[in-house]
């Protein structure tokens, strides 16, 4: 019984973490686009990083 509760709370915790990560990713992207335009990633990171990310 205790293991079932632990598992349920773990699953719930992971869902909260995923929701927070998704929100932060979208929020950061929107803020960067608002500040630096839609090409913020291409123009804002070093070319080697951009090239490695786009592979």
PDB file of N, CA and C in Angstrom:
ATOM      1  N   UNK A   1       0.826  -1.196   0.000  1.00  0.00           N
ATOM      2  CA  UNK A   1       0.000   0.000   0.000  1.00  0.00           C
ATOM      3  C   UNK A   1       0.870   1.259   0.000  1.00  0.00           C
ATOM      4  N   UNK A   2       1.891   1.263   0.825  1.00  0.00           N
ATOM      5  CA  UNK A   2       2.764   2.431   0.891  1.00  0.00           C
ATOM      6  C   UNK A   2       3.525   2.612  -0.428  1.00  0.00           C
ATOM      7  N   UNK A   3       3.938   1.486  -1.026  1.00  0.00           N
ATOM      8  CA  UNK A   3       4.642   1.568  -2.309  1.00  0.00           C
ATOM      9  C   UNK A   3       3.742   2.155  -3.391  1.00  0.00           C
ATOM     10  N   UNK A   4       2.482   1.798  -3.389  1.00  0.00           N
ATOM     11  CA  UNK A   4       1.536   2.336  -4.367  1.00  0.00           C
ATOM     12  C   UNK A   4       1.395   3.847  -4.203  1.00  0.00           C
ATOM     13  N   UNK A   5       1.331   4.306  -2.973  1.00  0.00           N
ATOM     14  CA  UNK A   5       1.229   5.745  -2.724  1.00  0.00           C
ATOM     15  C   UNK A   5       2.498   6.458  -3.165  1.00  0.00           C
ATOM     16  N   UNK A   6       3.661   5.862  -2.854  1.00  0.00           N
ATOM     17  CA  UNK A   6       4.933   6.444  -3.278  1.00  0.00           C
ATOM     18  C   UNK A   6       4.980   6.567  -4.790  1.00  0.00           C
ATOM     19  N   UNK A   7       4.571   5.523  -5.490  1.00  0.00           N
ATOM     20  CA  UNK A   7       4.575   5.524  -6.949  1.00  0.00           C
ATOM     21  C   UNK A   7       3.640   6.607  -7.487  1.00  0.00           C
ATOM     22  N   UNK A   8       2.480   6.726  -6.884  1.00  0.00           N
ATOM     23  CA  UNK A   8       1.507   7.734  -7.324  1.00  0.00           C
ATOM     24  C   UNK A   8       2.082   9.139  -7.143  1.00  0.00           C
ATOM     25  N   UNK A   9       2.708   9.382  -5.999  1.00  0.00           N
ATOM     26  CA  UNK A   9       3.290  10.705  -5.755  1.00  0.00           C
ATOM     27  C   UNK A   9       4.469  10.969  -6.679  1.00  0.00           C
ATOM     28  N   UNK A  10       5.258   9.939  -6.979  1.00  0.00           N
ATOM     29  CA  UNK A  10       6.366  10.101  -7.920  1.00  0.00           C
ATOM     30  C   UNK A  10       5.845  10.483  -9.293  1.00  0.00           C
ATOM     31  N   UNK A  11       4.826   9.791  -9.766  1.00  0.00           N
ATOM     32  CA  UNK A  11       4.254  10.089 -11.076  1.00  0.00           C
ATOM     33  C   UNK A  11       3.699  11.507 -11.104  1.00  0.00           C
ATOM     34  N   UNK A  12       3.034  11.907 -10.050  1.00  0.00           N
ATOM     35  CA  UNK A  12       2.475  13.250  -9.960  1.00  0.00           C
ATOM     36  C   UNK A  12       3.597  14.296  -9.945  1.00  0.00           C
ATOM     37  N   UNK A  13       4.647  14.016  -9.203  1.00  0.00           N
ATOM     38  CA  UNK A  13       5.791  14.937  -9.139  1.00  0.00           C
ATOM     39  C   UNK A  13       6.442  15.098 -10.506  1.00  0.00           C
ATOM     40  N   UNK A  14       6.642  13.984 -11.227  1.00  0.00           N
ATOM     41  CA  UNK A  14       7.243  14.056 -12.555  1.00  0.00           C
ATOM     42  C   UNK A  14       6.363  14.851 -13.516  1.00  0.00           C
ATOM     43  N   UNK A  15       5.056  14.731 -13.381  1.00  0.00           N
ATOM     44  CA  UNK A  15       4.155  15.508 -14.233  1.00  0.00           C
ATOM     45  C   UNK A  15       4.310  17.002 -13.943  1.00  0.00           C
ATOM     46  N   UNK A  16       4.385  17.359 -12.659  1.00  0.00           N
ATOM     47  CA  UNK A  16       4.592  18.768 -12.303  1.00  0.00           C
ATOM     48  C   UNK A  16       5.908  19.289 -12.877  1.00  0.00           C
ATOM     49  N   UNK A  17       6.947  18.486 -12.769  1.00  0.00           N
ATOM     50  CA  UNK A  17       8.254  18.896 -13.282  1.00  0.00           C
ATOM     51  C   UNK A  17       8.196  19.092 -14.791  1.00  0.00           C
ATOM     52  N   UNK A  18       7.572  18.171 -15.507  1.00  0.00           N
ATOM     53  CA  UNK A  18       7.426  18.316 -16.967  1.00  0.00           C
ATOM     54  C   UNK A  18       6.639  19.571 -17.316  1.00  0.00           C
ATOM     55  N   UNK A  19       5.568  19.826 -16.581  1.00  0.00           N
ATOM     56  CA  UNK A  19       4.764  21.025 -16.836  1.00  0.00           C
ATOM     57  C   UNK A  19       5.574  22.295 -16.611  1.00  0.00           C
ATOM     58  N   UNK A  20       6.367  22.326 -15.552  1.00  0.00           N
ATOM     59  CA  UNK A  20       7.205  23.492 -15.264  1.00  0.00           C
ATOM     60  C   UNK A  20       8.259  23.666 -16.356  1.00  0.00           C
ATOM     61  N   UNK A  21       8.911  22.569 -16.755  1.00  0.00           N
ATOM     62  CA  UNK A  21       9.923  22.642 -17.814  1.00  0.00           C
ATOM     63  C   UNK A  21       9.320  23.149 -19.124  1.00  0.00           C
ATOM     64  N   UNK A  22       8.149  22.644 -19.467  1.00  0.00           N
ATOM     65  CA  UNK A  22       7.479  23.068 -20.703  1.00  0.00           C
ATOM     66  C   UNK A  22       7.139  24.553 -20.645  1.00  0.00           C
ATOM     67  N   UNK A  23       6.601  24.993 -19.517  1.00  0.00           N
ATOM     68  CA  UNK A  23       6.265  26.405 -19.357  1.00  0.00           C
ATOM     69  C   UNK A  23       7.514  27.275 -19.479  1.00  0.00           C
ATOM     70  N   UNK A  24       8.586  26.884 -18.770  1.00  0.00           N
ATOM     71  CA  UNK A  24       9.807  27.695 -18.787  1.00  0.00           C
ATOM     72  C   UNK A  24      10.412  27.753 -20.186  1.00  0.00           C
ATOM     73  N   UNK A  25      10.435  26.644 -20.882  1.00  0.00           N
ATOM     74  CA  UNK A  25      10.989  26.613 -22.234  1.00  0.00           C
ATOM     75  C   UNK A  25      10.232  27.570 -23.155  1.00  0.00           C
ATOM     76  N   UNK A  26       8.919  27.520 -23.112  1.00  0.00           N
ATOM     77  CA  UNK A  26       8.101  28.386 -23.964  1.00  0.00           C
ATOM     78  C   UNK A  26       8.220  29.848 -23.534  1.00  0.00           C
ATOM     79  N   UNK A  27       8.233  30.091 -22.227  1.00  0.00           N
ATOM     80  CA  UNK A  27       8.356  31.457 -21.718  1.00  0.00           C
ATOM     81  C   UNK A  27       9.691  32.074 -22.122  1.00  0.00           C
ATOM     82  N   UNK A  28      10.787  31.322 -21.956  1.00  0.00           N
ATOM     83  CA  UNK A  28      12.108  31.831 -22.334  1.00  0.00           C
ATOM     84  C   UNK A  28      12.148  32.136 -23.825  1.00  0.00           C
ATOM     85  N   UNK A  29      11.607  31.222 -24.623  1.00  0.00           N
ATOM     86  CA  UNK A  29      11.605  31.406 -26.076  1.00  0.00           C
ATOM     87  C   UNK A  29      10.833  32.676 -26.450  1.00  0.00           C
ATOM     88  N   UNK A  30       9.673  32.870 -25.872  1.00  0.00           N
ATOM     89  CA  UNK A  30       8.872  34.062 -26.162  1.00  0.00           C
ATOM     90  C   UNK A  30       9.606  35.336 -25.758  1.00  0.00           C
ATOM     91  N   UNK A  31      10.226  35.318 -24.594  1.00  0.00           N
ATOM     92  CA  UNK A  31      10.962  36.499 -24.124  1.00  0.00           C
ATOM     93  C   UNK A  31      12.153  36.810 -25.029  1.00  0.00           C
ATOM     94  N   UNK A  32      12.865  35.777 -25.447  1.00  0.00           N
ATOM     95  CA  UNK A  32      14.002  35.990 -26.347  1.00  0.00           C
ATOM     96  C   UNK A  32      13.532  36.512 -27.702  1.00  0.00           C
ATOM     97  N   UNK A  33      12.444  35.952 -28.232  1.00  0.00           N
ATOM     98  CA  UNK A  33      11.904  36.436 -29.506  1.00  0.00           C
ATOM     99  C   UNK A  33      11.423  37.876 -29.388  1.00  0.00           C
ATOM    100  N   UNK A  34      10.793  38.216 -28.280  1.00  0.00           N
ATOM    101  CA  UNK A  34      10.323  39.591 -28.089  1.00  0.00           C
ATOM    102  C   UNK A  34      11.480  40.581 -28.000  1.00  0.00           C
ATOM    103  N   UNK A  35      12.566  40.155 -27.402  1.00  0.00           N
ATOM    104  CA  UNK A  35      13.716  41.043 -27.224  1.00  0.00           C
ATOM    105  C   UNK A  35      14.625  41.090 -28.449  1.00  0.00           C
ATOM    106  N   UNK A  36      14.819  39.930 -29.109  1.00  0.00           N
ATOM    107  CA  UNK A  36      15.837  39.843 -30.159  1.00  0.00           C
ATOM    108  C   UNK A  36      15.307  39.417 -31.524  1.00  0.00           C
ATOM    109  N   UNK A  37      14.006  39.204 -31.650  1.00  0.00           N
ATOM    110  CA  UNK A  37      13.429  38.801 -32.924  1.00  0.00           C
ATOM    111  C   UNK A  37      13.376  37.287 -33.075  1.00  0.00           C
ATOM    112  N   UNK A  38      12.727  36.860 -34.132  1.00  0.00           N
ATOM    113  CA  UNK A  38      12.507  35.428 -34.346  1.00  0.00           C
ATOM    114  C   UNK A  38      13.793  34.656 -34.630  1.00  0.00           C
ATOM    115  N   UNK A  39      14.816  35.335 -35.088  1.00  0.00           N
ATOM    116  CA  UNK A  39      16.092  34.680 -35.395  1.00  0.00           C
ATOM    117  C   UNK A  39      17.059  34.735 -34.212  1.00  0.00           C
ATOM    118  N   UNK A  40      16.530  34.883 -32.998  1.00  0.00           N
ATOM    119  CA  UNK A  40      17.364  35.058 -31.817  1.00  0.00           C
ATOM    120  C   UNK A  40      18.378  33.932 -31.635  1.00  0.00           C
ATOM    121  N   UNK A  41      17.992  32.706 -31.931  1.00  0.00           N
ATOM    122  CA  UNK A  41      18.907  31.588 -31.716  1.00  0.00           C
ATOM    123  C   UNK A  41      20.050  31.639 -32.716  1.00  0.00           C
ATOM    124  N   UNK A  42      19.721  31.851 -33.947  1.00  0.00           N
ATOM    125  CA  UNK A  42      20.735  31.873 -35.000  1.00  0.00           C
ATOM    126  C   UNK A  42      21.706  33.034 -34.810  1.00  0.00           C
ATOM    127  N   UNK A  43      21.198  34.181 -34.436  1.00  0.00           N
ATOM    128  CA  UNK A  43      22.065  35.345 -34.299  1.00  0.00           C
ATOM    129  C   UNK A  43      22.662  35.490 -32.905  1.00  0.00           C
ATOM    130  N   UNK A  44      22.103  34.802 -31.920  1.00  0.00           N
ATOM    131  CA  UNK A  44      22.520  35.014 -30.545  1.00  0.00           C
ATOM    132  C   UNK A  44      23.483  34.001 -29.960  1.00  0.00           C
ATOM    133  N   UNK A  45      23.692  32.890 -30.660  1.00  0.00           N
ATOM    134  CA  UNK A  45      24.626  31.889 -30.127  1.00  0.00           C
ATOM    135  C   UNK A  45      25.800  31.745 -31.081  1.00  0.00           C
ATOM    136  N   UNK A  46      26.931  31.305 -30.568  1.00  0.00           N
ATOM    137  CA  UNK A  46      28.088  31.102 -31.449  1.00  0.00           C
ATOM    138  C   UNK A  46      27.758  30.112 -32.569  1.00  0.00           C
ATOM    139  N   UNK A  47      28.355  30.337 -33.741  1.00  0.00           N
ATOM    140  CA  UNK A  47      28.069  29.513 -34.908  1.00  0.00           C
ATOM    141  C   UNK A  47      28.307  28.023 -34.637  1.00  0.00           C
ATOM    142  N   UNK A  48      29.384  27.684 -33.921  1.00  0.00           N
ATOM    143  CA  UNK A  48      29.680  26.271 -33.639  1.00  0.00           C
ATOM    144  C   UNK A  48      28.559  25.634 -32.819  1.00  0.00           C
ATOM    145  N   UNK A  49      28.010  26.357 -31.871  1.00  0.00           N
ATOM    146  CA  UNK A  49      26.910  25.851 -31.045  1.00  0.00           C
ATOM    147  C   UNK A  49      25.659  25.709 -31.912  1.00  0.00           C
ATOM    148  N   UNK A  50      25.372  26.740 -32.713  1.00  0.00           N
ATOM    149  CA  UNK A  50      24.211  26.700 -33.597  1.00  0.00           C
ATOM    150  C   UNK A  50      24.305  25.511 -34.556  1.00  0.00           C
ATOM    151  N   UNK A  51      25.475  25.339 -35.185  1.00  0.00           N
ATOM    152  CA  UNK A  51      25.651  24.235 -36.140  1.00  0.00           C
ATOM    153  C   UNK A  51      25.476  22.883 -35.462  1.00  0.00           C
ATOM    154  N   UNK A  52      26.033  22.738 -34.249  1.00  0.00           N
ATOM    155  CA  UNK A  52      25.947  21.470 -33.522  1.00  0.00           C
ATOM    156  C   UNK A  52      24.492  21.178 -33.122  1.00  0.00           C
ATOM    157  N   UNK A  53      23.753  22.220 -32.745  1.00  0.00           N
ATOM    158  CA  UNK A  53      22.362  22.046 -32.329  1.00  0.00           C
ATOM    159  C   UNK A  53      21.462  21.691 -33.519  1.00  0.00           C
ATOM    160  N   UNK A  54      21.772  22.197 -34.672  1.00  0.00           N
ATOM    161  CA  UNK A  54      20.903  22.018 -35.833  1.00  0.00           C
ATOM    162  C   UNK A  54      21.148  20.679 -36.552  1.00  0.00           C
ATOM    163  N   UNK A  55      22.127  19.896 -36.114  1.00  0.00           N
ATOM    164  CA  UNK A  55      22.387  18.594 -36.758  1.00  0.00           C
ATOM    165  C   UNK A  55      21.367  17.574 -36.411  1.00  0.00           C
TER     166      UNK A  55
END
